[in-house]
Amino acid sequence: MALTDFVLALSGLLGSLLLPFAGLYWMLRLKRRPVAPVAAAASGPVK
């Protein structure tokens, strides 16, 4: 019983810490994605 309570508390804590970091990572990925095609277009056509 105590072990299951510990596992549930630990998974709840990790889940609550993981959600903000996952959201931050997702936002940074979305911000960084449109930069690559713009940089490639600015450097000119590839020969």
N, C-alpha and C. Protein backbone atom coordinates (compact mmCIF):
# COMPACT_ATOMS: atom_id res chain seq x y z
N MET A 1 0.83 -1.20 0.00
CA MET A 1 0.00 0.00 0.00
C MET A 1 0.87 1.26 0.00
N ALA A 2 1.88 1.27 0.85
CA ALA A 2 2.73 2.46 0.92
C ALA A 2 3.53 2.63 -0.37
N LEU A 3 3.91 1.52 -0.98
CA LEU A 3 4.68 1.61 -2.22
C LEU A 3 3.82 2.17 -3.34
N THR A 4 2.58 1.75 -3.43
CA THR A 4 1.71 2.29 -4.49
C THR A 4 1.42 3.77 -4.27
N ASP A 5 1.26 4.18 -3.02
CA ASP A 5 1.07 5.60 -2.73
C ASP A 5 2.31 6.40 -3.14
N PHE A 6 3.49 5.85 -2.85
CA PHE A 6 4.73 6.52 -3.22
C PHE A 6 4.86 6.64 -4.73
N VAL A 7 4.54 5.57 -5.43
CA VAL A 7 4.65 5.58 -6.90
C VAL A 7 3.65 6.57 -7.50
N LEU A 8 2.44 6.60 -6.96
CA LEU A 8 1.44 7.56 -7.46
C LEU A 8 1.86 9.00 -7.19
N ALA A 9 2.40 9.27 -6.01
CA ALA A 9 2.85 10.62 -5.69
C ALA A 9 4.02 11.03 -6.57
N LEU A 10 4.94 10.10 -6.80
CA LEU A 10 6.11 10.40 -7.63
C LEU A 10 5.71 10.64 -9.07
N SER A 11 4.81 9.83 -9.59
CA SER A 11 4.37 10.01 -10.98
C SER A 11 3.58 11.32 -11.12
N GLY A 12 2.80 11.67 -10.12
CA GLY A 12 2.08 12.94 -10.16
C GLY A 12 3.03 14.12 -10.13
N LEU A 13 4.08 14.03 -9.32
CA LEU A 13 5.06 15.11 -9.25
C LEU A 13 5.83 15.24 -10.56
N LEU A 14 6.26 14.11 -11.10
CA LEU A 14 7.00 14.16 -12.37
C LEU A 14 6.11 14.66 -13.50
N GLY A 15 4.85 14.25 -13.50
CA GLY A 15 3.93 14.71 -14.53
C GLY A 15 3.69 16.20 -14.45
N SER A 16 3.57 16.73 -13.23
CA SER A 16 3.33 18.16 -13.08
C SER A 16 4.58 18.96 -13.44
N LEU A 17 5.76 18.39 -13.27
CA LEU A 17 6.98 19.07 -13.68
C LEU A 17 7.23 18.92 -15.17
N LEU A 18 6.78 17.82 -15.73
CA LEU A 18 7.06 17.55 -17.14
C LEU A 18 6.21 18.41 -18.06
N LEU A 19 4.98 18.69 -17.67
CA LEU A 19 4.08 19.44 -18.56
C LEU A 19 4.60 20.84 -18.91
N PRO A 20 5.06 21.66 -17.95
CA PRO A 20 5.57 22.98 -18.35
C PRO A 20 6.81 22.90 -19.22
N PHE A 21 7.71 21.94 -18.94
CA PHE A 21 8.91 21.82 -19.76
C PHE A 21 8.58 21.32 -21.16
N ALA A 22 7.60 20.43 -21.27
CA ALA A 22 7.18 19.95 -22.59
C ALA A 22 6.55 21.10 -23.38
N GLY A 23 5.75 21.92 -22.72
CA GLY A 23 5.17 23.07 -23.40
C GLY A 23 6.21 24.08 -23.84
N LEU A 24 7.20 24.31 -23.00
CA LEU A 24 8.28 25.25 -23.35
C LEU A 24 9.08 24.73 -24.54
N TYR A 25 9.39 23.43 -24.52
CA TYR A 25 10.13 22.82 -25.62
C TYR A 25 9.35 22.90 -26.91
N TRP A 26 8.03 22.69 -26.84
CA TRP A 26 7.17 22.73 -28.02
C TRP A 26 7.12 24.14 -28.60
N MET A 27 7.02 25.15 -27.71
CA MET A 27 6.97 26.53 -28.19
C MET A 27 8.30 26.94 -28.83
N LEU A 28 9.42 26.51 -28.24
CA LEU A 28 10.70 26.85 -28.83
C LEU A 28 10.89 26.17 -30.17
N ARG A 29 10.41 24.94 -30.30
CA ARG A 29 10.49 24.24 -31.59
C ARG A 29 9.65 24.95 -32.64
N LEU A 30 8.46 25.43 -32.27
CA LEU A 30 7.61 26.12 -33.24
C LEU A 30 8.22 27.45 -33.65
N LYS A 31 8.88 28.14 -32.72
CA LYS A 31 9.50 29.42 -33.06
C LYS A 31 10.70 29.22 -33.96
N ARG A 32 11.44 28.13 -33.77
CA ARG A 32 12.66 27.93 -34.52
C ARG A 32 12.41 27.39 -35.91
N ARG A 33 11.27 26.71 -36.11
CA ARG A 33 11.02 26.03 -37.39
C ARG A 33 10.94 26.98 -38.58
N PRO A 34 10.23 28.13 -38.54
CA PRO A 34 10.13 28.96 -39.74
C PRO A 34 11.43 29.67 -40.10
N VAL A 35 12.44 29.65 -39.24
CA VAL A 35 13.68 30.38 -39.52
C VAL A 35 14.48 29.69 -40.62
N ALA A 36 14.46 28.36 -40.67
CA ALA A 36 15.31 27.63 -41.62
C ALA A 36 14.96 27.92 -43.08
N PRO A 37 13.70 27.87 -43.52
CA PRO A 37 13.42 28.18 -44.92
C PRO A 37 13.74 29.62 -45.28
N VAL A 38 13.55 30.55 -44.32
CA VAL A 38 13.86 31.96 -44.60
C VAL A 38 15.36 32.15 -44.79
N ALA A 39 16.15 31.48 -43.94
CA ALA A 39 17.60 31.59 -44.06
C ALA A 39 18.08 30.95 -45.35
N ALA A 40 17.47 29.85 -45.75
CA ALA A 40 17.86 29.20 -47.00
C ALA A 40 17.49 30.06 -48.20
N ALA A 41 16.35 30.73 -48.16
CA ALA A 41 15.93 31.58 -49.26
C ALA A 41 16.80 32.85 -49.33
N ALA A 42 17.23 33.34 -48.20
CA ALA A 42 18.04 34.56 -48.17
C ALA A 42 19.45 34.31 -48.70
N SER A 43 19.94 33.09 -48.56
CA SER A 43 21.30 32.81 -49.02
C SER A 43 21.35 32.58 -50.53
N GLY A 44 20.21 32.49 -51.17
CA GLY A 44 20.18 32.32 -52.62
C GLY A 44 19.96 30.87 -53.01
N PRO A 45 19.74 30.64 -54.29
CA PRO A 45 19.51 29.27 -54.74
C PRO A 45 20.75 28.40 -54.62
N VAL A 46 20.55 27.14 -54.32
CA VAL A 46 21.65 26.21 -54.20
C VAL A 46 22.01 25.67 -55.57
N LYS A 47 23.29 25.72 -55.90
CA LYS A 47 23.74 25.26 -57.23
C LYS A 47 24.30 23.85 -57.15
